[in-house]
Amino acid sequence: MFRRTVGPEPPSIRIRTDELRTVREAMRDFSSLLTELEEGDVEKLVLTQRNRMRAVVVSVERWSEVEQALAGTREGSGVEIALDDEPAPS
């Protein structure tokens, strides 16, 4: 009898098909992908490698919104999240 070991489930995020790119495609044509983000054609780019999600690329403006939302969540929840290289306060 064989037991299959299953790793952790991949994160669940909403992705449109036009937001999916392979890592190889991103390496080859990163400049035009940045233009798509800057012009608002896509909200994010989900990079895949070997049919697995590997990274999400967002604009600087969108990342700023995410950080602000996380900061608001931290303050209200009592949970500390370090968003940069500095250690979280003790």
N, C-alpha and C. Protein backbone atom coordinates (compact mmCIF):
# COMPACT_ATOMS: atom_id res chain seq x y z
N MET A 1 0.84 -1.18 0.00
CA MET A 1 0.00 0.00 0.00
C MET A 1 0.89 1.25 0.00
N PHE A 2 0.59 2.16 -0.88
CA PHE A 2 1.36 3.40 -1.00
C PHE A 2 0.59 4.54 -0.37
N ARG A 3 1.32 5.40 0.34
CA ARG A 3 0.73 6.63 0.87
C ARG A 3 1.36 7.79 0.13
N ARG A 4 0.54 8.62 -0.37
CA ARG A 4 1.04 9.79 -1.08
C ARG A 4 1.14 10.95 -0.11
N THR A 5 2.32 11.52 -0.01
CA THR A 5 2.51 12.68 0.85
C THR A 5 2.18 13.93 0.06
N VAL A 6 1.29 14.71 0.59
CA VAL A 6 0.86 15.92 -0.08
C VAL A 6 1.44 17.11 0.67
N GLY A 7 2.06 18.02 -0.06
CA GLY A 7 2.63 19.22 0.54
C GLY A 7 1.54 20.21 0.89
N PRO A 8 1.94 21.34 1.39
CA PRO A 8 0.96 22.37 1.74
C PRO A 8 0.20 22.84 0.50
N GLU A 9 -1.04 23.21 0.72
CA GLU A 9 -1.85 23.69 -0.39
C GLU A 9 -1.31 25.02 -0.90
N PRO A 10 -1.38 25.24 -2.21
CA PRO A 10 -0.93 26.53 -2.75
C PRO A 10 -1.86 27.64 -2.25
N PRO A 11 -1.35 28.86 -2.18
CA PRO A 11 -2.21 29.96 -1.73
C PRO A 11 -3.37 30.16 -2.67
N SER A 12 -4.47 30.64 -2.13
CA SER A 12 -5.66 30.85 -2.94
C SER A 12 -5.78 32.34 -3.27
N ILE A 13 -5.64 32.67 -4.54
CA ILE A 13 -5.82 34.05 -4.98
C ILE A 13 -6.64 34.03 -6.26
N ARG A 14 -7.32 35.12 -6.52
CA ARG A 14 -8.10 35.25 -7.75
C ARG A 14 -7.18 35.69 -8.87
N ILE A 15 -7.23 34.95 -9.96
CA ILE A 15 -6.35 35.24 -11.08
C ILE A 15 -7.16 35.21 -12.37
N ARG A 16 -7.00 36.25 -13.17
CA ARG A 16 -7.58 36.24 -14.51
C ARG A 16 -6.55 35.62 -15.45
N THR A 17 -7.02 35.02 -16.52
CA THR A 17 -6.09 34.36 -17.44
C THR A 17 -5.10 35.34 -18.05
N ASP A 18 -5.51 36.60 -18.23
CA ASP A 18 -4.58 37.57 -18.81
C ASP A 18 -3.50 38.03 -17.82
N GLU A 19 -3.61 37.62 -16.55
CA GLU A 19 -2.61 37.96 -15.55
C GLU A 19 -1.54 36.87 -15.39
N LEU A 20 -1.73 35.74 -16.03
CA LEU A 20 -0.78 34.63 -15.93
C LEU A 20 0.35 34.78 -16.93
N ARG A 21 1.57 34.59 -16.46
CA ARG A 21 2.74 34.60 -17.33
C ARG A 21 3.71 33.53 -16.83
N THR A 22 4.44 32.93 -17.73
CA THR A 22 5.50 32.02 -17.30
C THR A 22 6.72 32.84 -16.90
N VAL A 23 7.55 32.26 -16.07
CA VAL A 23 8.79 32.92 -15.68
C VAL A 23 9.63 33.19 -16.92
N ARG A 24 9.67 32.23 -17.83
CA ARG A 24 10.45 32.40 -19.06
C ARG A 24 9.93 33.59 -19.87
N GLU A 25 8.62 33.70 -20.00
CA GLU A 25 8.03 34.82 -20.73
C GLU A 25 8.35 36.14 -20.05
N ALA A 26 8.30 36.17 -18.71
CA ALA A 26 8.59 37.40 -17.97
C ALA A 26 10.05 37.82 -18.16
N MET A 27 10.96 36.85 -18.17
CA MET A 27 12.37 37.17 -18.37
C MET A 27 12.61 37.74 -19.76
N ARG A 28 11.90 37.21 -20.73
CA ARG A 28 12.11 37.61 -22.12
C ARG A 28 11.51 38.99 -22.41
N ASP A 29 10.39 39.33 -21.75
CA ASP A 29 9.66 40.53 -22.14
C ASP A 29 9.21 41.35 -20.93
N PHE A 30 10.11 41.50 -19.94
CA PHE A 30 9.74 42.16 -18.69
C PHE A 30 9.33 43.61 -18.88
N SER A 31 9.96 44.30 -19.80
CA SER A 31 9.64 45.71 -20.03
C SER A 31 8.17 45.90 -20.42
N SER A 32 7.68 45.09 -21.32
CA SER A 32 6.28 45.24 -21.74
C SER A 32 5.32 44.82 -20.62
N LEU A 33 5.74 43.87 -19.79
CA LEU A 33 4.90 43.48 -18.66
C LEU A 33 4.78 44.63 -17.66
N LEU A 34 5.89 45.34 -17.42
CA LEU A 34 5.83 46.51 -16.55
C LEU A 34 4.91 47.58 -17.11
N THR A 35 4.93 47.75 -18.43
CA THR A 35 4.05 48.71 -19.07
C THR A 35 2.59 48.33 -18.84
N GLU A 36 2.27 47.04 -18.95
CA GLU A 36 0.90 46.59 -18.69
C GLU A 36 0.46 46.94 -17.28
N LEU A 37 1.35 46.76 -16.31
CA LEU A 37 1.03 47.11 -14.92
C LEU A 37 0.84 48.61 -14.76
N GLU A 38 1.77 49.39 -15.31
CA GLU A 38 1.73 50.84 -15.16
C GLU A 38 0.49 51.44 -15.81
N GLU A 39 0.07 50.89 -16.95
CA GLU A 39 -1.09 51.43 -17.66
C GLU A 39 -2.41 50.89 -17.13
N GLY A 40 -2.34 49.97 -16.17
CA GLY A 40 -3.57 49.45 -15.57
C GLY A 40 -4.25 48.37 -16.39
N ASP A 41 -3.54 47.82 -17.39
CA ASP A 41 -4.13 46.74 -18.19
C ASP A 41 -4.37 45.50 -17.33
N VAL A 42 -3.49 45.28 -16.35
CA VAL A 42 -3.63 44.19 -15.40
C VAL A 42 -3.32 44.73 -14.01
N GLU A 43 -3.92 44.13 -12.98
CA GLU A 43 -3.68 44.56 -11.60
C GLU A 43 -2.42 43.93 -11.04
N LYS A 44 -2.17 42.71 -11.50
CA LYS A 44 -1.01 41.96 -11.04
C LYS A 44 -0.60 40.98 -12.13
N LEU A 45 0.60 40.47 -12.02
CA LEU A 45 1.07 39.41 -12.91
C LEU A 45 1.47 38.23 -12.04
N VAL A 46 0.90 37.09 -12.32
CA VAL A 46 1.22 35.88 -11.56
C VAL A 46 2.18 35.06 -12.42
N LEU A 47 3.40 34.89 -11.91
CA LEU A 47 4.42 34.17 -12.65
C LEU A 47 4.38 32.69 -12.27
N THR A 48 4.39 31.85 -13.30
CA THR A 48 4.34 30.41 -13.07
C THR A 48 5.59 29.75 -13.60
N GLN A 49 5.94 28.65 -12.97
CA GLN A 49 7.06 27.83 -13.42
C GLN A 49 6.70 26.38 -13.15
N ARG A 50 6.78 25.57 -14.19
CA ARG A 50 6.39 24.15 -14.10
C ARG A 50 4.97 24.01 -13.57
N ASN A 51 4.07 24.86 -14.10
CA ASN A 51 2.66 24.83 -13.77
C ASN A 51 2.35 25.12 -12.30
N ARG A 52 3.26 25.83 -11.63
CA ARG A 52 3.03 26.24 -10.24
C ARG A 52 3.21 27.74 -10.13
N MET A 53 2.35 28.37 -9.33
CA MET A 53 2.50 29.80 -9.07
C MET A 53 3.79 30.00 -8.28
N ARG A 54 4.63 30.92 -8.76
CA ARG A 54 5.90 31.15 -8.10
C ARG A 54 6.03 32.56 -7.51
N ALA A 55 5.40 33.56 -8.16
CA ALA A 55 5.54 34.93 -7.67
C ALA A 55 4.40 35.79 -8.23
N VAL A 56 4.16 36.90 -7.54
CA VAL A 56 3.19 37.88 -8.01
C VAL A 56 3.90 39.21 -8.13
N VAL A 57 3.75 39.86 -9.26
CA VAL A 57 4.37 41.16 -9.51
C VAL A 57 3.25 42.20 -9.52
N VAL A 58 3.44 43.27 -8.74
CA VAL A 58 2.46 44.36 -8.69
C VAL A 58 3.20 45.68 -8.87
N SER A 59 2.46 46.71 -9.20
CA SER A 59 3.06 48.04 -9.35
C SER A 59 3.44 48.59 -7.97
N VAL A 60 4.29 49.60 -7.97
CA VAL A 60 4.69 50.25 -6.73
C VAL A 60 3.47 50.84 -6.02
N GLU A 61 2.58 51.43 -6.78
CA GLU A 61 1.38 52.03 -6.19
C GLU A 61 0.53 50.97 -5.50
N ARG A 62 0.35 49.83 -6.16
CA ARG A 62 -0.46 48.75 -5.58
C ARG A 62 0.21 48.20 -4.33
N TRP A 63 1.53 48.04 -4.37
CA TRP A 63 2.24 47.53 -3.19
C TRP A 63 2.09 48.50 -2.02
N SER A 64 2.11 49.79 -2.29
CA SER A 64 1.91 50.79 -1.25
C SER A 64 0.54 50.61 -0.60
N GLU A 65 -0.48 50.36 -1.42
CA GLU A 65 -1.83 50.11 -0.90
C GLU A 65 -1.86 48.86 -0.01
N VAL A 66 -1.16 47.83 -0.44
CA VAL A 66 -1.11 46.58 0.34
C VAL A 66 -0.44 46.84 1.69
N GLU A 67 0.69 47.55 1.68
CA GLU A 67 1.39 47.85 2.93
C GLU A 67 0.51 48.67 3.88
N GLN A 68 -0.20 49.66 3.33
CA GLN A 68 -1.08 50.47 4.17
C GLN A 68 -2.20 49.63 4.76
N ALA A 69 -2.75 48.73 3.96
CA ALA A 69 -3.82 47.85 4.46
C ALA A 69 -3.28 46.93 5.55
N LEU A 70 -2.07 46.39 5.35
CA LEU A 70 -1.46 45.54 6.36
C LEU A 70 -1.19 46.32 7.64
N ALA A 71 -0.75 47.55 7.50
CA ALA A 71 -0.47 48.38 8.68
C ALA A 71 -1.75 48.60 9.48
N GLY A 72 -2.85 48.83 8.79
CA GLY A 72 -4.14 49.00 9.46
C GLY A 72 -4.57 47.72 10.15
N THR A 73 -4.32 46.59 9.54
CA THR A 73 -4.67 45.29 10.11
C THR A 73 -3.83 45.01 11.34
N ARG A 74 -2.54 45.34 11.26
CA ARG A 74 -1.64 45.11 12.40
C ARG A 74 -2.09 45.90 13.61
N GLU A 75 -2.42 47.18 13.39
CA GLU A 75 -2.77 48.04 14.51
C GLU A 75 -4.03 47.55 15.22
N GLY A 76 -4.99 47.05 14.45
CA GLY A 76 -6.25 46.62 15.04
C GLY A 76 -6.23 45.22 15.60
N SER A 77 -5.28 44.38 15.22
CA SER A 77 -5.32 42.98 15.61
C SER A 77 -4.36 42.61 16.73
N GLY A 78 -3.40 43.49 17.01
CA GLY A 78 -2.40 43.14 18.00
C GLY A 78 -1.32 42.23 17.43
N VAL A 79 -1.34 41.96 16.14
CA VAL A 79 -0.36 41.10 15.49
C VAL A 79 0.71 41.99 14.88
N GLU A 80 1.97 41.64 15.09
CA GLU A 80 3.07 42.40 14.49
C GLU A 80 3.56 41.71 13.23
N ILE A 81 3.67 42.44 12.16
CA ILE A 81 4.19 41.92 10.90
C ILE A 81 5.35 42.81 10.49
N ALA A 82 6.53 42.25 10.27
CA ALA A 82 7.67 43.03 9.81
C ALA A 82 7.62 43.06 8.29
N LEU A 83 7.55 44.26 7.70
CA LEU A 83 7.44 44.40 6.25
C LEU A 83 8.76 44.75 5.61
N ASP A 84 9.80 44.96 6.40
CA ASP A 84 11.09 45.30 5.81
C ASP A 84 12.18 44.54 6.55
N ASP A 85 13.41 44.92 6.37
CA ASP A 85 14.52 44.19 6.97
C ASP A 85 14.68 44.45 8.46
N GLU A 86 14.00 45.45 8.98
CA GLU A 86 14.13 45.74 10.40
C GLU A 86 13.29 44.74 11.19
N PRO A 87 13.79 44.28 12.34
CA PRO A 87 13.01 43.34 13.14
C PRO A 87 11.79 44.02 13.73
N ALA A 88 10.76 43.25 13.95
CA ALA A 88 9.54 43.78 14.58
C ALA A 88 9.86 44.17 16.02
N PRO A 89 9.24 45.25 16.52
CA PRO A 89 9.49 45.67 17.90
C PRO A 89 9.06 44.59 18.88
N SER A 90 9.79 44.47 19.99
CA SER A 90 9.46 43.44 21.01
C SER A 90 8.51 44.00 22.03
